[in-house]
Amino acid sequence: MEMELKGKRALVTGSSSGIGAAIARILSEEGAKVMVHGRDEEKTRAVAQRLIDAGGEAA
């Protein structure tokens, strides 16, 4: 899927697991800089790190 998100930013709430994490991954794969957000800090940081490890930009 080509969503032309290179250079765009995305805030994905509830992205520390499940559907939110999957959406964050897809947006990152499409070139968006993703801000991961969730209630569990450890899980949230882990999702952000996976996006970074896959070559994306995340915080």
PDB file of N, CA and C in Angstrom:
ATOM      1  N   MET A   1       0.859  -1.165   0.000  1.00  0.00           N
ATOM      2  CA  MET A   1       0.000   0.000   0.000  1.00  0.00           C
ATOM      3  C   MET A   1       0.906   1.230   0.000  1.00  0.00           C
ATOM      4  N   GLU A   2       0.622   2.194  -0.849  1.00  0.00           N
ATOM      5  CA  GLU A   2       1.401   3.427  -0.913  1.00  0.00           C
ATOM      6  C   GLU A   2       0.539   4.587  -0.435  1.00  0.00           C
ATOM      7  N   MET A   3       0.817   5.044   0.791  1.00  0.00           N
ATOM      8  CA  MET A   3       0.026   6.131   1.363  1.00  0.00           C
ATOM      9  C   MET A   3       0.749   7.472   1.290  1.00  0.00           C
ATOM     10  N   GLU A   4       1.964   7.494   0.729  1.00  0.00           N
ATOM     11  CA  GLU A   4       2.731   8.726   0.577  1.00  0.00           C
ATOM     12  C   GLU A   4       2.871   9.480   1.895  1.00  0.00           C
ATOM     13  N   LEU A   5       3.366   8.809   2.934  1.00  0.00           N
ATOM     14  CA  LEU A   5       3.489   9.410   4.257  1.00  0.00           C
ATOM     15  C   LEU A   5       4.898   9.870   4.589  1.00  0.00           C
ATOM     16  N   LYS A   6       5.827   9.753   3.658  1.00  0.00           N
ATOM     17  CA  LYS A   6       7.200  10.173   3.912  1.00  0.00           C
ATOM     18  C   LYS A   6       7.204  11.639   4.334  1.00  0.00           C
ATOM     19  N   GLY A   7       7.842  11.906   5.488  1.00  0.00           N
ATOM     20  CA  GLY A   7       7.915  13.259   6.009  1.00  0.00           C
ATOM     21  C   GLY A   7       6.716  13.677   6.845  1.00  0.00           C
ATOM     22  N   LYS A   8       5.704  12.833   6.936  1.00  0.00           N
ATOM     23  CA  LYS A   8       4.516  13.140   7.748  1.00  0.00           C
ATOM     24  C   LYS A   8       4.739  12.603   9.158  1.00  0.00           C
ATOM     25  N   ARG A   9       3.953  13.086  10.098  1.00  0.00           N
ATOM     26  CA  ARG A   9       4.017  12.620  11.488  1.00  0.00           C
ATOM     27  C   ARG A   9       2.675  12.001  11.865  1.00  0.00           C
ATOM     28  N   ALA A  10       2.743  10.984  12.720  1.00  0.00           N
ATOM     29  CA  ALA A  10       1.518  10.328  13.166  1.00  0.00           C
ATOM     30  C   ALA A  10       1.592  10.059  14.668  1.00  0.00           C
ATOM     31  N   LEU A  11       0.544  10.416  15.386  1.00  0.00           N
ATOM     32  CA  LEU A  11       0.397  10.075  16.791  1.00  0.00           C
ATOM     33  C   LEU A  11      -0.617   8.947  16.851  1.00  0.00           C
ATOM     34  N   VAL A  12      -0.189   7.796  17.377  1.00  0.00           N
ATOM     35  CA  VAL A  12      -1.077   6.640  17.455  1.00  0.00           C
ATOM     36  C   VAL A  12      -1.318   6.352  18.935  1.00  0.00           C
ATOM     37  N   THR A  13      -2.492   6.717  19.428  1.00  0.00           N
ATOM     38  CA  THR A  13      -2.806   6.449  20.832  1.00  0.00           C
ATOM     39  C   THR A  13      -3.162   4.980  20.988  1.00  0.00           C
ATOM     40  N   GLY A  14      -2.874   4.438  22.149  1.00  0.00           N
ATOM     41  CA  GLY A  14      -3.153   3.033  22.400  1.00  0.00           C
ATOM     42  C   GLY A  14      -2.287   2.112  21.560  1.00  0.00           C
ATOM     43  N   SER A  15      -1.082   2.559  21.235  1.00  0.00           N
ATOM     44  CA  SER A  15      -0.236   1.791  20.321  1.00  0.00           C
ATOM     45  C   SER A  15       0.814   0.945  21.018  1.00  0.00           C
ATOM     46  N   SER A  16       0.641   0.714  22.308  1.00  0.00           N
ATOM     47  CA  SER A  16       1.610  -0.115  23.025  1.00  0.00           C
ATOM     48  C   SER A  16       1.358  -1.611  22.810  1.00  0.00           C
ATOM     49  N   SER A  17       0.238  -1.958  22.168  1.00  0.00           N
ATOM     50  CA  SER A  17      -0.047  -3.368  21.874  1.00  0.00           C
ATOM     51  C   SER A  17      -1.212  -3.465  20.889  1.00  0.00           C
ATOM     52  N   GLY A  18      -1.456  -4.658  20.432  1.00  0.00           N
ATOM     53  CA  GLY A  18      -2.635  -4.958  19.622  1.00  0.00           C
ATOM     54  C   GLY A  18      -2.765  -4.175  18.332  1.00  0.00           C
ATOM     55  N   ILE A  19      -3.998  -3.754  18.054  1.00  0.00           N
ATOM     56  CA  ILE A  19      -4.308  -3.052  16.816  1.00  0.00           C
ATOM     57  C   ILE A  19      -3.532  -1.742  16.716  1.00  0.00           C
ATOM     58  N   GLY A  20      -3.406  -1.024  17.821  1.00  0.00           N
ATOM     59  CA  GLY A  20      -2.660   0.237  17.809  1.00  0.00           C
ATOM     60  C   GLY A  20      -1.208   0.040  17.416  1.00  0.00           C
ATOM     61  N   ALA A  21      -0.576  -1.010  17.931  1.00  0.00           N
ATOM     62  CA  ALA A  21       0.814  -1.306  17.569  1.00  0.00           C
ATOM     63  C   ALA A  21       0.918  -1.665  16.091  1.00  0.00           C
ATOM     64  N   ALA A  22      -0.055  -2.399  15.585  1.00  0.00           N
ATOM     65  CA  ALA A  22      -0.059  -2.773  14.168  1.00  0.00           C
ATOM     66  C   ALA A  22      -0.232  -1.538  13.281  1.00  0.00           C
ATOM     67  N   ILE A  23      -1.088  -0.618  13.679  1.00  0.00           N
ATOM     68  CA  ILE A  23      -1.276   0.616  12.925  1.00  0.00           C
ATOM     69  C   ILE A  23       0.008   1.435  12.937  1.00  0.00           C
ATOM     70  N   ALA A  24       0.652   1.536  14.100  1.00  0.00           N
ATOM     71  CA  ALA A  24       1.921   2.262  14.198  1.00  0.00           C
ATOM     72  C   ALA A  24       2.964   1.648  13.269  1.00  0.00           C
ATOM     73  N   ARG A  25       3.020   0.325  13.198  1.00  0.00           N
ATOM     74  CA  ARG A  25       3.981  -0.361  12.331  1.00  0.00           C
ATOM     75  C   ARG A  25       3.710  -0.044  10.868  1.00  0.00           C
ATOM     76  N   ILE A  26       2.451  -0.116  10.460  1.00  0.00           N
ATOM     77  CA  ILE A  26       2.096   0.155   9.065  1.00  0.00           C
ATOM     78  C   ILE A  26       2.423   1.603   8.696  1.00  0.00           C
ATOM     79  N   LEU A  27       2.072   2.539   9.565  1.00  0.00           N
ATOM     80  CA  LEU A  27       2.373   3.937   9.287  1.00  0.00           C
ATOM     81  C   LEU A  27       3.875   4.164   9.182  1.00  0.00           C
ATOM     82  N   SER A  28       4.624   3.516  10.053  1.00  0.00           N
ATOM     83  CA  SER A  28       6.080   3.628  10.012  1.00  0.00           C
ATOM     84  C   SER A  28       6.631   3.041   8.720  1.00  0.00           C
ATOM     85  N   GLU A  29       6.130   1.892   8.327  1.00  0.00           N
ATOM     86  CA  GLU A  29       6.570   1.267   7.075  1.00  0.00           C
ATOM     87  C   GLU A  29       6.275   2.150   5.869  1.00  0.00           C
ATOM     88  N   GLU A  30       5.227   2.960   5.973  1.00  0.00           N
ATOM     89  CA  GLU A  30       4.846   3.859   4.885  1.00  0.00           C
ATOM     90  C   GLU A  30       5.618   5.175   4.923  1.00  0.00           C
ATOM     91  N   GLY A  31       6.513   5.336   5.913  1.00  0.00           N
ATOM     92  CA  GLY A  31       7.393   6.503   5.953  1.00  0.00           C
ATOM     93  C   GLY A  31       7.064   7.564   6.978  1.00  0.00           C
ATOM     94  N   ALA A  32       5.987   7.391   7.736  1.00  0.00           N
ATOM     95  CA  ALA A  32       5.633   8.390   8.748  1.00  0.00           C
ATOM     96  C   ALA A  32       6.552   8.287   9.954  1.00  0.00           C
ATOM     97  N   LYS A  33       6.797   9.428  10.579  1.00  0.00           N
ATOM     98  CA  LYS A  33       7.472   9.464  11.874  1.00  0.00           C
ATOM     99  C   LYS A  33       6.374   9.232  12.898  1.00  0.00           C
ATOM    100  N   VAL A  34       6.501   8.193  13.713  1.00  0.00           N
ATOM    101  CA  VAL A  34       5.403   7.767  14.580  1.00  0.00           C
ATOM    102  C   VAL A  34       5.688   8.071  16.051  1.00  0.00           C
ATOM    103  N   MET A  35       4.705   8.680  16.713  1.00  0.00           N
ATOM    104  CA  MET A  35       4.750   8.874  18.153  1.00  0.00           C
ATOM    105  C   MET A  35       3.879   7.779  18.759  1.00  0.00           C
ATOM    106  N   VAL A  36       4.527   6.865  19.470  1.00  0.00           N
ATOM    107  CA  VAL A  36       3.830   5.744  20.093  1.00  0.00           C
ATOM    108  C   VAL A  36       3.312   6.207  21.459  1.00  0.00           C
ATOM    109  N   HIS A  37       2.081   5.830  21.798  1.00  0.00           N
ATOM    110  CA  HIS A  37       1.469   6.288  23.043  1.00  0.00           C
ATOM    111  C   HIS A  37       0.702   5.139  23.685  1.00  0.00           C
ATOM    112  N   GLY A  38       0.867   4.975  24.985  1.00  0.00           N
ATOM    113  CA  GLY A  38       0.126   3.941  25.698  1.00  0.00           C
ATOM    114  C   GLY A  38       0.264   4.100  27.199  1.00  0.00           C
ATOM    115  N   ARG A  39      -0.474   3.316  27.942  1.00  0.00           N
ATOM    116  CA  ARG A  39      -0.448   3.420  29.397  1.00  0.00           C
ATOM    117  C   ARG A  39       0.708   2.664  30.024  1.00  0.00           C
ATOM    118  N   ASP A  40       1.218   1.651  29.344  1.00  0.00           N
ATOM    119  CA  ASP A  40       2.312   0.840  29.878  1.00  0.00           C
ATOM    120  C   ASP A  40       3.625   1.319  29.254  1.00  0.00           C
ATOM    121  N   GLU A  41       4.439   2.016  30.039  1.00  0.00           N
ATOM    122  CA  GLU A  41       5.663   2.630  29.522  1.00  0.00           C
ATOM    123  C   GLU A  41       6.612   1.605  28.907  1.00  0.00           C
ATOM    124  N   GLU A  42       6.770   0.476  29.541  1.00  0.00           N
ATOM    125  CA  GLU A  42       7.690  -0.554  29.033  1.00  0.00           C
ATOM    126  C   GLU A  42       7.247  -1.069  27.658  1.00  0.00           C
ATOM    127  N   LYS A  43       5.966  -1.381  27.524  1.00  0.00           N
ATOM    128  CA  LYS A  43       5.439  -1.859  26.239  1.00  0.00           C
ATOM    129  C   LYS A  43       5.527  -0.772  25.168  1.00  0.00           C
ATOM    130  N   THR A  44       5.240   0.467  25.570  1.00  0.00           N
ATOM    131  CA  THR A  44       5.276   1.585  24.630  1.00  0.00           C
ATOM    132  C   THR A  44       6.681   1.784  24.090  1.00  0.00           C
ATOM    133  N   ARG A  45       7.673   1.765  24.979  1.00  0.00           N
ATOM    134  CA  ARG A  45       9.066   1.909  24.551  1.00  0.00           C
ATOM    135  C   ARG A  45       9.488   0.750  23.653  1.00  0.00           C
ATOM    136  N   ALA A  46       9.002  -0.446  23.963  1.00  0.00           N
ATOM    137  CA  ALA A  46       9.359  -1.624  23.155  1.00  0.00           C
ATOM    138  C   ALA A  46       8.811  -1.508  21.734  1.00  0.00           C
ATOM    139  N   VAL A  47       7.584  -1.027  21.595  1.00  0.00           N
ATOM    140  CA  VAL A  47       7.005  -0.844  20.261  1.00  0.00           C
ATOM    141  C   VAL A  47       7.807   0.200  19.492  1.00  0.00           C
ATOM    142  N   ALA A  48       8.113   1.325  20.137  1.00  0.00           N
ATOM    143  CA  ALA A  48       8.900   2.370  19.477  1.00  0.00           C
ATOM    144  C   ALA A  48      10.259   1.818  19.037  1.00  0.00           C
ATOM    145  N   GLN A  49      10.890   1.033  19.876  1.00  0.00           N
ATOM    146  CA  GLN A  49      12.198   0.476  19.532  1.00  0.00           C
ATOM    147  C   GLN A  49      12.103  -0.494  18.364  1.00  0.00           C
ATOM    148  N   ARG A  50      11.042  -1.279  18.307  1.00  0.00           N
ATOM    149  CA  ARG A  50      10.866  -2.185  17.159  1.00  0.00           C
ATOM    150  C   ARG A  50      10.721  -1.411  15.858  1.00  0.00           C
ATOM    151  N   LEU A  51      10.017  -0.286  15.907  1.00  0.00           N
ATOM    152  CA  LEU A  51       9.867   0.539  14.711  1.00  0.00           C
ATOM    153  C   LEU A  51      11.221   1.117  14.285  1.00  0.00           C
ATOM    154  N   ILE A  52      11.989   1.563  15.250  1.00  0.00           N
ATOM    155  CA  ILE A  52      13.320   2.107  14.969  1.00  0.00           C
ATOM    156  C   ILE A  52      14.223   1.019  14.418  1.00  0.00           C
ATOM    157  N   ASP A  53      14.195  -0.156  15.032  1.00  0.00           N
ATOM    158  CA  ASP A  53      15.023  -1.281  14.577  1.00  0.00           C
ATOM    159  C   ASP A  53      14.685  -1.702  13.149  1.00  0.00           C
ATOM    160  N   ALA A  54      13.450  -1.479  12.743  1.00  0.00           N
ATOM    161  CA  ALA A  54      13.007  -1.837  11.396  1.00  0.00           C
ATOM    162  C   ALA A  54      13.324  -0.717  10.387  1.00  0.00           C
ATOM    163  N   GLY A  55      13.968   0.343  10.861  1.00  0.00           N
ATOM    164  CA  GLY A  55      14.374   1.422   9.965  1.00  0.00           C
ATOM    165  C   GLY A  55      13.481   2.646   9.973  1.00  0.00           C
ATOM    166  N   GLY A  56      12.490   2.652  10.856  1.00  0.00           N
ATOM    167  CA  GLY A  56      11.590   3.805  10.929  1.00  0.00           C
ATOM    168  C   GLY A  56      12.038   4.820  11.950  1.00  0.00           C
ATOM    169  N   GLU A  57      11.262   5.890  12.077  1.00  0.00           N
ATOM    170  CA  GLU A  57      11.496   6.903  13.091  1.00  0.00           C
ATOM    171  C   GLU A  57      10.332   6.871  14.065  1.00  0.00           C
ATOM    172  N   ALA A  58      10.649   6.747  15.350  1.00  0.00           N
ATOM    173  CA  ALA A  58       9.599   6.660  16.361  1.00  0.00           C
ATOM    174  C   ALA A  58      10.079   7.227  17.673  1.00  0.00           C
ATOM    175  N   ALA A  59       9.124   7.663  18.476  1.00  0.00           N
ATOM    176  CA  ALA A  59       9.402   8.165  19.816  1.00  0.00           C
ATOM    177  C   ALA A  59       8.283   7.728  20.730  1.00  0.00           C
TER     178      ALA A  59
END
